[in-house]
Amino acid sequence: MANGSGPAFGERVEYGPDDVCYRHPSTHSFTLCQRCGRTICSECQVVSAVGVLCPECVKQTQPGAAKRAARSARVTGRRVAALDTPVTYAIVAVNLVVFVLQLLGRYFFSDEVTRALWYMPIYSVPESVSSQLFSDVGFEPWRMLTATFTHSTGFLLHILFNMYALWLFGRNLEQLMGRVQFLVLYLFAGLGGSLAVMLWVYADPSTLIVPTVGASGAIFGVLGATVVAFRSAGANVASLIALIAINFGIGLLPGANISWQAHLGGMIVGALTMWLLVSNRGPRKRTQRIVSLVVLGAVLVAMCFAYFAVLP
């Protein structure tokens, strides 16, 4: 400068007493944080969209853990909603998570996870009666649905075949029916499988205390619904019927230890649900579709309490 109060052009600028990093007092720097104005060295500088910031300002501008979790949940929700068949993928995910928990329970907790989810018809017996037969068994009708998401941990192909069938046929049905109606169909079919296991006790009372893992009932419901949907569209379903017949026949083999009752019940309810939807298709029959599903659901729930009317 002309008055000599500072360095002239071309001369080296000397660091002043305040030109040191606030975190490293022995390190000189001319760089200032764009937010708070503190001097920061090259090691402390954080480049951002608004310029160079110090570590403290970066922490203050970042959202808290709760906000980050909420934002992550919103992003995940939007990604799931963007899928063509989110319900099918969600059901597959739930089944896989439950299966992993079953495996962990089998090896570390004496199979307690599977025991907590499986279904035995005695769980539908009024508690005043079941407590007289087994002191540790109560009235737990919700197991008719929890069993819908359980598989045999002793046979890995059980879950592999079921999830492949669900992925193969479930996506087509969900795209055809819509998300809500497909979810209703899946739950109805699973409940129908458990209901068939319960009602079979009238024919064979010894099955009152036979546990069942009933995911296959819901899968057979999806297959039965697919037959009805394709047949209504005029498609040839002979190969699909043959596939269902073969898989159903395997459950009838001696020593197969497969609940064919759950397969049959799930298939019947799944096909019936789809028949109701197909019979009332069209934008003008939306109310009829809803009413028919509500009525069917009410009938299924009422049948679940059959033991209250006539004990096996």
C-alpha atoms as a PDB file:
ATOM      1  CA  MET A   1       0.000   0.000   0.000  1.00  0.00           C
ATOM      2  CA  ALA A   2       1.208   3.556  -0.724  1.00  0.00           C
ATOM      3  CA  ASN A   3       1.087   4.759   2.894  1.00  0.00           C
ATOM      4  CA  GLY A   4       3.211   1.824   4.084  1.00  0.00           C
ATOM      5  CA  SER A   5       0.622   0.544   6.588  1.00  0.00           C
ATOM      6  CA  GLY A   6       0.678  -2.932   5.042  1.00  0.00           C
ATOM      7  CA  PRO A   7       2.566  -5.129   2.609  1.00  0.00           C
ATOM      8  CA  ALA A   8       3.100  -3.799  -0.871  1.00  0.00           C
ATOM      9  CA  PHE A   9       1.966  -5.655  -3.949  1.00  0.00           C
ATOM     10  CA  GLY A  10       4.041  -8.797  -4.468  1.00  0.00           C
ATOM     11  CA  GLU A  11       5.277  -8.969  -0.879  1.00  0.00           C
ATOM     12  CA  ARG A  12       4.519 -12.018   1.289  1.00  0.00           C
ATOM     13  CA  VAL A  13       1.665 -11.444   3.754  1.00  0.00           C
ATOM     14  CA  GLU A  14       2.564 -12.192   7.335  1.00  0.00           C
ATOM     15  CA  TYR A  15       0.164 -14.124   9.585  1.00  0.00           C
ATOM     16  CA  GLY A  16      -1.363 -12.078  12.348  1.00  0.00           C
ATOM     17  CA  PRO A  17      -1.926 -13.253  15.931  1.00  0.00           C
ATOM     18  CA  ASP A  18      -5.533 -14.235  15.139  1.00  0.00           C
ATOM     19  CA  ASP A  19      -4.737 -16.102  11.922  1.00  0.00           C
ATOM     20  CA  VAL A  20      -4.603 -19.538  13.602  1.00  0.00           C
ATOM     21  CA  CYS A  21      -7.047 -22.431  13.512  1.00  0.00           C
ATOM     22  CA  TYR A  22      -9.405 -22.368  16.475  1.00  0.00           C
ATOM     23  CA  ARG A  23      -8.906 -26.104  16.894  1.00  0.00           C
ATOM     24  CA  HIS A  24      -5.174 -26.181  16.194  1.00  0.00           C
ATOM     25  CA  PRO A  25      -3.588 -23.005  17.691  1.00  0.00           C
ATOM     26  CA  SER A  26      -0.196 -23.846  16.223  1.00  0.00           C
ATOM     27  CA  THR A  27      -1.502 -23.989  12.648  1.00  0.00           C
ATOM     28  CA  HIS A  28      -1.828 -20.715  10.727  1.00  0.00           C
ATOM     29  CA  SER A  29      -4.602 -20.113   8.215  1.00  0.00           C
ATOM     30  CA  PHE A  30      -6.457 -17.323   6.441  1.00  0.00           C
ATOM     31  CA  THR A  31      -9.587 -19.418   5.745  1.00  0.00           C
ATOM     32  CA  LEU A  32     -12.727 -18.471   7.647  1.00  0.00           C
ATOM     33  CA  CYS A  33     -15.851 -20.533   8.272  1.00  0.00           C
ATOM     34  CA  GLN A  34     -18.637 -19.126   6.098  1.00  0.00           C
ATOM     35  CA  ARG A  35     -21.154 -19.547   8.917  1.00  0.00           C
ATOM     36  CA  CYS A  36     -19.456 -18.489  12.166  1.00  0.00           C
ATOM     37  CA  GLY A  37     -16.340 -16.685  10.871  1.00  0.00           C
ATOM     38  CA  ARG A  38     -13.829 -18.721  12.855  1.00  0.00           C
ATOM     39  CA  THR A  39     -10.419 -19.449  11.336  1.00  0.00           C
ATOM     40  CA  ILE A  40      -9.990 -23.055  10.231  1.00  0.00           C
ATOM     41  CA  CYS A  41      -7.013 -24.924   8.840  1.00  0.00           C
ATOM     42  CA  SER A  42      -7.035 -27.322   5.917  1.00  0.00           C
ATOM     43  CA  GLU A  43      -7.585 -30.331   8.174  1.00  0.00           C
ATOM     44  CA  CYS A  44     -10.728 -28.819   9.726  1.00  0.00           C
ATOM     45  CA  GLN A  45     -12.274 -27.426   6.559  1.00  0.00           C
ATOM     46  CA  VAL A  46     -15.502 -29.054   5.356  1.00  0.00           C
ATOM     47  CA  VAL A  47     -16.511 -28.066   1.846  1.00  0.00           C
ATOM     48  CA  SER A  48     -20.262 -27.568   1.491  1.00  0.00           C
ATOM     49  CA  ALA A  49     -22.682 -26.047  -1.004  1.00  0.00           C
ATOM     50  CA  VAL A  50     -22.490 -22.700   0.796  1.00  0.00           C
ATOM     51  CA  GLY A  51     -18.706 -22.669   1.114  1.00  0.00           C
ATOM     52  CA  VAL A  52     -16.176 -23.880   3.654  1.00  0.00           C
ATOM     53  CA  LEU A  53     -17.540 -24.678   7.112  1.00  0.00           C
ATOM     54  CA  CYS A  54     -15.989 -25.698  10.403  1.00  0.00           C
ATOM     55  CA  PRO A  55     -16.860 -29.070  11.979  1.00  0.00           C
ATOM     56  CA  GLU A  56     -19.127 -27.512  14.635  1.00  0.00           C
ATOM     57  CA  CYS A  57     -21.228 -25.669  12.090  1.00  0.00           C
ATOM     58  CA  VAL A  58     -21.520 -28.822  10.019  1.00  0.00           C
ATOM     59  CA  LYS A  59     -22.924 -30.666  13.049  1.00  0.00           C
ATOM     60  CA  GLN A  60     -25.405 -27.872  13.683  1.00  0.00           C
ATOM     61  CA  THR A  61     -26.680 -27.915  10.118  1.00  0.00           C
ATOM     62  CA  GLN A  62     -27.181 -31.701  10.066  1.00  0.00           C
ATOM     63  CA  PRO A  63     -30.605 -33.015  11.199  1.00  0.00           C
ATOM     64  CA  GLY A  64     -30.900 -35.036  14.393  1.00  0.00           C
ATOM     65  CA  ALA A  65     -31.132 -38.808  14.532  1.00  0.00           C
ATOM     66  CA  ALA A  66     -34.935 -38.735  14.787  1.00  0.00           C
ATOM     67  CA  LYS A  67     -35.268 -36.480  11.747  1.00  0.00           C
ATOM     68  CA  ARG A  68     -32.832 -38.619   9.739  1.00  0.00           C
ATOM     69  CA  ALA A  69     -34.765 -41.756  10.649  1.00  0.00           C
ATOM     70  CA  ALA A  70     -38.068 -40.127   9.702  1.00  0.00           C
ATOM     71  CA  ARG A  71     -36.664 -38.941   6.395  1.00  0.00           C
ATOM     72  CA  SER A  72     -35.239 -42.398   5.681  1.00  0.00           C
ATOM     73  CA  ALA A  73     -38.631 -43.958   6.454  1.00  0.00           C
ATOM     74  CA  ARG A  74     -40.363 -41.529   4.089  1.00  0.00           C
ATOM     75  CA  VAL A  75     -37.899 -42.297   1.310  1.00  0.00           C
ATOM     76  CA  THR A  76     -38.278 -46.036   1.845  1.00  0.00           C
ATOM     77  CA  GLY A  77     -42.054 -45.686   1.859  1.00  0.00           C
ATOM     78  CA  ARG A  78     -42.005 -43.805  -1.443  1.00  0.00           C
ATOM     79  CA  ARG A  79     -39.747 -46.445  -2.986  1.00  0.00           C
ATOM     80  CA  VAL A  80     -42.026 -49.266  -1.841  1.00  0.00           C
ATOM     81  CA  ALA A  81     -45.101 -47.413  -3.093  1.00  0.00           C
ATOM     82  CA  ALA A  82     -43.401 -46.982  -6.451  1.00  0.00           C
ATOM     83  CA  LEU A  83     -43.123 -50.750  -6.912  1.00  0.00           C
ATOM     84  CA  ASP A  84     -45.617 -52.413  -9.226  1.00  0.00           C
ATOM     85  CA  THR A  85     -46.536 -55.062  -6.630  1.00  0.00           C
ATOM     86  CA  PRO A  86     -45.558 -53.803  -3.161  1.00  0.00           C
ATOM     87  CA  VAL A  87     -47.974 -56.082  -1.292  1.00  0.00           C
ATOM     88  CA  THR A  88     -46.501 -59.223  -2.820  1.00  0.00           C
ATOM     89  CA  TYR A  89     -42.966 -58.135  -1.981  1.00  0.00           C
ATOM     90  CA  ALA A  90     -44.052 -57.145   1.524  1.00  0.00           C
ATOM     91  CA  ILE A  91     -45.650 -60.558   2.140  1.00  0.00           C
ATOM     92  CA  VAL A  92     -42.513 -62.292   0.884  1.00  0.00           C
ATOM     93  CA  ALA A  93     -40.390 -60.117   3.182  1.00  0.00           C
ATOM     94  CA  VAL A  94     -42.583 -60.855   6.211  1.00  0.00           C
ATOM     95  CA  ASN A  95     -42.440 -64.588   5.526  1.00  0.00           C
ATOM     96  CA  LEU A  96     -38.657 -64.503   5.202  1.00  0.00           C
ATOM     97  CA  VAL A  97     -38.211 -62.485   8.403  1.00  0.00           C
ATOM     98  CA  VAL A  98     -40.512 -64.836  10.320  1.00  0.00           C
ATOM     99  CA  PHE A  99     -38.634 -67.844   8.908  1.00  0.00           C
ATOM    100  CA  VAL A 100     -35.299 -66.423  10.061  1.00  0.00           C
ATOM    101  CA  LEU A 101     -36.766 -65.843  13.519  1.00  0.00           C
ATOM    102  CA  GLN A 102     -38.072 -69.403  13.493  1.00  0.00           C
ATOM    103  CA  LEU A 103     -34.601 -70.713  12.657  1.00  0.00           C
ATOM    104  CA  LEU A 104     -33.020 -68.658  15.421  1.00  0.00           C
ATOM    105  CA  GLY A 105     -35.686 -69.849  17.816  1.00  0.00           C
ATOM    106  CA  ARG A 106     -35.108 -73.431  16.795  1.00  0.00           C
ATOM    107  CA  TYR A 107     -31.394 -73.364  17.557  1.00  0.00           C
ATOM    108  CA  PHE A 108     -31.316 -70.968  20.516  1.00  0.00           C
ATOM    109  CA  PHE A 109     -34.747 -70.906  22.166  1.00  0.00           C
ATOM    110  CA  SER A 110     -36.084 -74.465  21.933  1.00  0.00           C
ATOM    111  CA  ASP A 111     -38.343 -73.643  18.984  1.00  0.00           C
ATOM    112  CA  GLU A 112     -40.272 -71.064  21.033  1.00  0.00           C
ATOM    113  CA  VAL A 113     -40.817 -68.722  18.064  1.00  0.00           C
ATOM    114  CA  THR A 114     -42.608 -71.369  16.012  1.00  0.00           C
ATOM    115  CA  ARG A 115     -44.581 -72.474  19.063  1.00  0.00           C
ATOM    116  CA  ALA A 116     -45.719 -68.916  19.618  1.00  0.00           C
ATOM    117  CA  LEU A 117     -47.033 -68.621  16.038  1.00  0.00           C
ATOM    118  CA  TRP A 118     -48.320 -72.032  14.995  1.00  0.00           C
ATOM    119  CA  TYR A 119     -51.971 -73.036  15.177  1.00  0.00           C
ATOM    120  CA  MET A 120     -53.684 -75.970  16.857  1.00  0.00           C
ATOM    121  CA  PRO A 121     -57.475 -76.332  16.763  1.00  0.00           C
ATOM    122  CA  ILE A 122     -57.542 -76.407  20.562  1.00  0.00           C
ATOM    123  CA  TYR A 123     -56.677 -72.699  20.484  1.00  0.00           C
ATOM    124  CA  SER A 124     -60.210 -72.159  19.106  1.00  0.00           C
ATOM    125  CA  VAL A 125     -61.868 -74.064  21.949  1.00  0.00           C
ATOM    126  CA  PRO A 126     -63.524 -71.859  24.593  1.00  0.00           C
ATOM    127  CA  GLU A 127     -61.061 -71.231  27.400  1.00  0.00           C
ATOM    128  CA  SER A 128     -63.421 -72.641  30.018  1.00  0.00           C
ATOM    129  CA  VAL A 129     -63.184 -75.980  28.227  1.00  0.00           C
ATOM    130  CA  SER A 130     -59.566 -75.939  27.004  1.00  0.00           C
ATOM    131  CA  SER A 131     -58.258 -75.127  30.487  1.00  0.00           C
ATOM    132  CA  GLN A 132     -59.803 -78.360  31.715  1.00  0.00           C
ATOM    133  CA  LEU A 133     -57.919 -80.325  29.063  1.00  0.00           C
ATOM    134  CA  PHE A 134     -54.586 -78.466  29.082  1.00  0.00           C
ATOM    135  CA  SER A 135     -53.680 -75.987  31.790  1.00  0.00           C
ATOM    136  CA  ASP A 136     -51.164 -74.128  29.614  1.00  0.00           C
ATOM    137  CA  VAL A 137     -53.431 -73.697  26.575  1.00  0.00           C
ATOM    138  CA  GLY A 138     -55.882 -70.807  26.293  1.00  0.00           C
ATOM    139  CA  PHE A 139     -58.257 -69.307  23.773  1.00  0.00           C
ATOM    140  CA  GLU A 140     -55.972 -67.783  21.119  1.00  0.00           C
ATOM    141  CA  PRO A 141     -57.892 -67.508  17.813  1.00  0.00           C
ATOM    142  CA  TRP A 142     -55.435 -64.972  16.354  1.00  0.00           C
ATOM    143  CA  ARG A 143     -53.083 -67.879  15.745  1.00  0.00           C
ATOM    144  CA  MET A 144     -55.243 -68.758  12.750  1.00  0.00           C
ATOM    145  CA  LEU A 145     -53.616 -65.769  11.028  1.00  0.00           C
ATOM    146  CA  THR A 146     -50.123 -65.861  12.570  1.00  0.00           C
ATOM    147  CA  ALA A 147     -49.752 -69.428  11.302  1.00  0.00           C
ATOM    148  CA  THR A 148     -50.286 -68.039   7.802  1.00  0.00           C
ATOM    149  CA  PHE A 149     -46.753 -66.615   7.863  1.00  0.00           C
ATOM    150  CA  THR A 150     -44.955 -69.657   9.292  1.00  0.00           C
ATOM    151  CA  HIS A 151     -43.079 -72.488   7.577  1.00  0.00           C
ATOM    152  CA  SER A 152     -41.487 -75.766   8.525  1.00  0.00           C
ATOM    153  CA  THR A 153     -37.895 -75.108   9.616  1.00  0.00           C
ATOM    154  CA  GLY A 154     -36.954 -78.731   9.001  1.00  0.00           C
ATOM    155  CA  PHE A 155     -37.591 -78.533   5.254  1.00  0.00           C
ATOM    156  CA  LEU A 156     -35.948 -75.593   3.493  1.00  0.00           C
ATOM    157  CA  LEU A 157     -37.699 -76.297   0.187  1.00  0.00           C
ATOM    158  CA  HIS A 158     -41.008 -75.577   1.933  1.00  0.00           C
ATOM    159  CA  ILE A 159     -40.415 -71.847   2.087  1.00  0.00           C
ATOM    160  CA  LEU A 160     -38.498 -71.752  -1.193  1.00  0.00           C
ATOM    161  CA  PHE A 161     -41.374 -73.308  -3.147  1.00  0.00           C
ATOM    162  CA  ASN A 162     -43.971 -71.139  -1.418  1.00  0.00           C
ATOM    163  CA  MET A 163     -42.121 -67.876  -1.957  1.00  0.00           C
ATOM    164  CA  TYR A 164     -41.385 -68.737  -5.586  1.00  0.00           C
ATOM    165  CA  ALA A 165     -45.081 -69.495  -6.195  1.00  0.00           C
ATOM    166  CA  LEU A 166     -46.073 -66.264  -4.446  1.00  0.00           C
ATOM    167  CA  TRP A 167     -43.569 -64.248  -6.468  1.00  0.00           C
ATOM    168  CA  LEU A 168     -44.667 -65.951  -9.696  1.00  0.00           C
ATOM    169  CA  PHE A 169     -48.447 -65.770  -9.319  1.00  0.00           C
ATOM    170  CA  GLY A 170     -48.937 -63.144  -6.618  1.00  0.00           C
ATOM    171  CA  ARG A 171     -47.543 -60.298  -8.705  1.00  0.00           C
ATOM    172  CA  ASN A 172     -49.912 -61.053 -11.559  1.00  0.00           C
ATOM    173  CA  LEU A 173     -52.897 -61.158  -9.233  1.00  0.00           C
ATOM    174  CA  GLU A 174     -51.910 -57.951  -7.465  1.00  0.00           C
ATOM    175  CA  GLN A 175     -51.586 -56.099 -10.762  1.00  0.00           C
ATOM    176  CA  LEU A 176     -54.944 -57.503 -11.835  1.00  0.00           C
ATOM    177  CA  MET A 177     -56.842 -56.953  -8.571  1.00  0.00           C
ATOM    178  CA  GLY A 178     -55.138 -54.017  -6.940  1.00  0.00           C
ATOM    179  CA  ARG A 179     -53.153 -53.890  -3.717  1.00  0.00           C
ATOM    180  CA  VAL A 180     -55.958 -53.814  -1.166  1.00  0.00           C
ATOM    181  CA  GLN A 181     -58.037 -56.555  -2.767  1.00  0.00           C
ATOM    182  CA  PHE A 182     -54.997 -58.801  -3.171  1.00  0.00           C
ATOM    183  CA  LEU A 183     -54.064 -58.372   0.492  1.00  0.00           C
ATOM    184  CA  VAL A 184     -57.647 -59.199   1.496  1.00  0.00           C
ATOM    185  CA  LEU A 185     -57.584 -62.300  -0.688  1.00  0.00           C
ATOM    186  CA  TYR A 186     -54.283 -63.476   0.814  1.00  0.00           C
ATOM    187  CA  LEU A 187     -55.502 -63.040   4.393  1.00  0.00           C
ATOM    188  CA  PHE A 188     -58.849 -64.675   3.617  1.00  0.00           C
ATOM    189  CA  ALA A 189     -57.075 -67.657   2.046  1.00  0.00           C
ATOM    190  CA  GLY A 190     -54.741 -68.017   5.022  1.00  0.00           C
ATOM    191  CA  LEU A 191     -57.692 -67.858   7.401  1.00  0.00           C
ATOM    192  CA  GLY A 192     -59.531 -70.382   5.236  1.00  0.00           C
ATOM    193  CA  GLY A 193     -56.615 -72.800   5.536  1.00  0.00           C
ATOM    194  CA  SER A 194     -56.619 -72.572   9.327  1.00  0.00           C
ATOM    195  CA  LEU A 195     -60.400 -72.822   9.352  1.00  0.00           C
ATOM    196  CA  ALA A 196     -60.271 -76.093   7.397  1.00  0.00           C
ATOM    197  CA  VAL A 197     -57.760 -77.472   9.917  1.00  0.00           C
ATOM    198  CA  MET A 198     -60.107 -76.473  12.726  1.00  0.00           C
ATOM    199  CA  LEU A 199     -63.224 -77.971  11.141  1.00  0.00           C
ATOM    200  CA  TRP A 200     -61.441 -81.253  10.342  1.00  0.00           C
ATOM    201  CA  VAL A 201     -61.440 -81.994  14.066  1.00  0.00           C
ATOM    202  CA  TYR A 202     -65.133 -82.858  13.722  1.00  0.00           C
ATOM    203  CA  ALA A 203     -64.043 -85.722  11.460  1.00  0.00           C
ATOM    204  CA  ASP A 204     -60.865 -86.634  13.365  1.00  0.00           C
ATOM    205  CA  PRO A 205     -60.846 -85.414  16.987  1.00  0.00           C
ATOM    206  CA  SER A 206     -57.247 -86.558  17.447  1.00  0.00           C
ATOM    207  CA  THR A 207     -56.083 -83.577  15.360  1.00  0.00           C
ATOM    208  CA  LEU A 208     -57.292 -81.196  18.080  1.00  0.00           C
ATOM    209  CA  ILE A 209     -53.741 -80.854  19.414  1.00  0.00           C
ATOM    210  CA  VAL A 210     -51.803 -81.259  16.155  1.00  0.00           C
ATOM    211  CA  PRO A 211     -49.839 -78.048  15.408  1.00  0.00           C
ATOM    212  CA  THR A 212     -49.900 -76.561  11.919  1.00  0.00           C
ATOM    213  CA  VAL A 213     -47.713 -73.999  10.156  1.00  0.00           C
ATOM    214  CA  GLY A 214     -50.098 -72.719   7.546  1.00  0.00           C
ATOM    215  CA  ALA A 215     -48.322 -70.532   4.995  1.00  0.00           C
ATOM    216  CA  SER A 216     -49.112 -73.068   2.280  1.00  0.00           C
ATOM    217  CA  GLY A 217     -52.834 -72.535   2.771  1.00  0.00           C
ATOM    218  CA  ALA A 218     -52.515 -68.900   1.701  1.00  0.00           C
ATOM    219  CA  ILE A 219     -50.302 -69.881  -1.239  1.00  0.00           C
ATOM    220  CA  PHE A 220     -52.877 -72.416  -2.430  1.00  0.00           C
ATOM    221  CA  GLY A 221     -55.442 -69.630  -2.105  1.00  0.00           C
ATOM    222  CA  VAL A 222     -53.372 -67.519  -4.505  1.00  0.00           C
ATOM    223  CA  LEU A 223     -53.182 -70.461  -6.919  1.00  0.00           C
ATOM    224  CA  GLY A 224     -56.922 -71.106  -6.718  1.00  0.00           C
ATOM    225  CA  ALA A 225     -57.647 -67.429  -7.294  1.00  0.00           C
ATOM    226  CA  THR A 226     -55.322 -67.420 -10.306  1.00  0.00           C
ATOM    227  CA  VAL A 227     -57.253 -70.301 -11.875  1.00  0.00           C
ATOM    228  CA  VAL A 228     -60.552 -68.423 -11.456  1.00  0.00           C
ATOM    229  CA  ALA A 229     -59.103 -65.158 -12.789  1.00  0.00           C
ATOM    230  CA  PHE A 230     -57.455 -66.746 -15.826  1.00  0.00           C
ATOM    231  CA  ARG A 231     -60.494 -68.898 -16.561  1.00  0.00           C
ATOM    232  CA  SER A 232     -62.777 -65.846 -16.492  1.00  0.00           C
ATOM    233  CA  ALA A 233     -60.460 -64.221 -19.035  1.00  0.00           C
ATOM    234  CA  GLY A 234     -60.785 -67.244 -21.336  1.00  0.00           C
ATOM    235  CA  ALA A 235     -57.223 -68.480 -20.801  1.00  0.00           C
ATOM    236  CA  ASN A 236     -56.259 -72.147 -20.834  1.00  0.00           C
ATOM    237  CA  VAL A 237     -55.673 -73.149 -17.182  1.00  0.00           C
ATOM    238  CA  ALA A 238     -55.160 -76.890 -17.699  1.00  0.00           C
ATOM    239  CA  SER A 239     -51.429 -76.752 -16.904  1.00  0.00           C
ATOM    240  CA  LEU A 240     -52.036 -74.670 -13.767  1.00  0.00           C
ATOM    241  CA  ILE A 241     -54.733 -77.043 -12.551  1.00  0.00           C
ATOM    242  CA  ALA A 242     -52.341 -79.955 -13.125  1.00  0.00           C
ATOM    243  CA  LEU A 243     -49.664 -78.163 -11.089  1.00  0.00           C
ATOM    244  CA  ILE A 244     -52.090 -77.572  -8.241  1.00  0.00           C
ATOM    245  CA  ALA A 245     -53.300 -81.173  -8.366  1.00  0.00           C
ATOM    246  CA  ILE A 246     -49.750 -82.528  -8.171  1.00  0.00           C
ATOM    247  CA  ASN A 247     -48.836 -80.342  -5.219  1.00  0.00           C
ATOM    248  CA  PHE A 248     -52.093 -81.124  -3.462  1.00  0.00           C
ATOM    249  CA  GLY A 249     -51.590 -84.845  -4.096  1.00  0.00           C
ATOM    250  CA  ILE A 250     -48.161 -84.757  -2.451  1.00  0.00           C
ATOM    251  CA  GLY A 251     -49.863 -83.758   0.781  1.00  0.00           C
ATOM    252  CA  LEU A 252     -52.001 -86.894   0.652  1.00  0.00           C
ATOM    253  CA  LEU A 253     -49.027 -89.263   0.527  1.00  0.00           C
ATOM    254  CA  PRO A 254     -48.614 -91.424   3.664  1.00  0.00           C
ATOM    255  CA  GLY A 255     -45.975 -89.998   5.973  1.00  0.00           C
ATOM    256  CA  ALA A 256     -45.810 -86.674   4.112  1.00  0.00           C
ATOM    257  CA  ASN A 257     -46.668 -84.814   7.330  1.00  0.00           C
ATOM    258  CA  ILE A 258     -48.367 -82.085   5.286  1.00  0.00           C
ATOM    259  CA  SER A 259     -51.657 -80.466   6.229  1.00  0.00           C
ATOM    260  CA  TRP A 260     -53.717 -81.105   3.110  1.00  0.00           C
ATOM    261  CA  GLN A 261     -56.673 -79.630   4.989  1.00  0.00           C
ATOM    262  CA  ALA A 262     -54.965 -76.213   5.044  1.00  0.00           C
ATOM    263  CA  HIS A 263     -54.192 -76.531   1.336  1.00  0.00           C
ATOM    264  CA  LEU A 264     -57.807 -77.370   0.519  1.00  0.00           C
ATOM    265  CA  GLY A 265     -59.302 -74.686   2.742  1.00  0.00           C
ATOM    266  CA  GLY A 266     -56.994 -71.974   1.447  1.00  0.00           C
ATOM    267  CA  MET A 267     -57.625 -72.958  -2.161  1.00  0.00           C
ATOM    268  CA  ILE A 268     -61.414 -72.948  -1.745  1.00  0.00           C
ATOM    269  CA  VAL A 269     -61.518 -69.572   0.015  1.00  0.00           C
ATOM    270  CA  GLY A 270     -59.027 -68.022  -2.411  1.00  0.00           C
ATOM    271  CA  ALA A 271     -61.042 -69.217  -5.418  1.00  0.00           C
ATOM    272  CA  LEU A 272     -64.309 -68.072  -3.805  1.00  0.00           C
ATOM    273  CA  THR A 273     -62.891 -64.620  -3.071  1.00  0.00           C
ATOM    274  CA  MET A 274     -61.738 -64.200  -6.654  1.00  0.00           C
ATOM    275  CA  TRP A 275     -65.078 -65.455  -7.978  1.00  0.00           C
ATOM    276  CA  LEU A 276     -66.876 -62.768  -5.972  1.00  0.00           C
ATOM    277  CA  LEU A 277     -64.559 -60.085  -7.341  1.00  0.00           C
ATOM    278  CA  VAL A 278     -64.853 -61.320 -10.923  1.00  0.00           C
ATOM    279  CA  SER A 279     -68.646 -61.533 -10.668  1.00  0.00           C
ATOM    280  CA  ASN A 280     -68.805 -57.913  -9.517  1.00  0.00           C
ATOM    281  CA  ARG A 281     -66.076 -56.384 -11.649  1.00  0.00           C
ATOM    282  CA  GLY A 282     -66.437 -53.002 -13.241  1.00  0.00           C
ATOM    283  CA  PRO A 283     -66.499 -49.449 -11.886  1.00  0.00           C
ATOM    284  CA  ARG A 284     -70.273 -49.533 -11.410  1.00  0.00           C
ATOM    285  CA  LYS A 285     -70.131 -52.544  -9.093  1.00  0.00           C
ATOM    286  CA  ARG A 286     -67.556 -51.245  -6.633  1.00  0.00           C
ATOM    287  CA  THR A 287     -70.101 -51.215  -3.803  1.00  0.00           C
ATOM    288  CA  GLN A 288     -71.146 -54.796  -4.562  1.00  0.00           C
ATOM    289  CA  ARG A 289     -67.514 -55.908  -4.462  1.00  0.00           C
ATOM    290  CA  ILE A 290     -66.935 -54.290  -1.092  1.00  0.00           C
ATOM    291  CA  VAL A 291     -70.157 -55.691   0.360  1.00  0.00           C
ATOM    292  CA  SER A 292     -69.391 -59.202  -0.930  1.00  0.00           C
ATOM    293  CA  LEU A 293     -65.916 -59.145   0.646  1.00  0.00           C
ATOM    294  CA  VAL A 294     -67.279 -57.865   3.952  1.00  0.00           C
ATOM    295  CA  VAL A 295     -69.943 -60.577   3.991  1.00  0.00           C
ATOM    296  CA  LEU A 296     -67.402 -63.279   3.169  1.00  0.00           C
ATOM    297  CA  GLY A 297     -65.075 -62.014   5.885  1.00  0.00           C
ATOM    298  CA  ALA A 298     -67.924 -62.020   8.402  1.00  0.00           C
ATOM    299  CA  VAL A 299     -68.842 -65.592   7.458  1.00  0.00           C
ATOM    300  CA  LEU A 300     -65.238 -66.748   7.867  1.00  0.00           C
ATOM    301  CA  VAL A 301     -64.922 -65.090  11.259  1.00  0.00           C
ATOM    302  CA  ALA A 302     -68.252 -66.572  12.376  1.00  0.00           C
ATOM    303  CA  MET A 303     -67.119 -70.052  11.336  1.00  0.00           C
ATOM    304  CA  CYS A 304     -63.976 -69.599  13.414  1.00  0.00           C
ATOM    305  CA  PHE A 305     -66.233 -69.664  16.488  1.00  0.00           C
ATOM    306  CA  ALA A 306     -67.987 -72.900  15.520  1.00  0.00           C
ATOM    307  CA  TYR A 307     -66.616 -74.621  18.650  1.00  0.00           C
ATOM    308  CA  PHE A 308     -68.738 -72.282  20.749  1.00  0.00           C
ATOM    309  CA  ALA A 309     -71.839 -73.795  19.142  1.00  0.00           C
ATOM    310  CA  VAL A 310     -70.842 -77.445  18.757  1.00  0.00           C
ATOM    311  CA  LEU A 311     -67.704 -78.840  20.377  1.00  0.00           C
ATOM    312  CA  PRO A 312     -65.899 -81.604  18.490  1.00  0.00           C
END
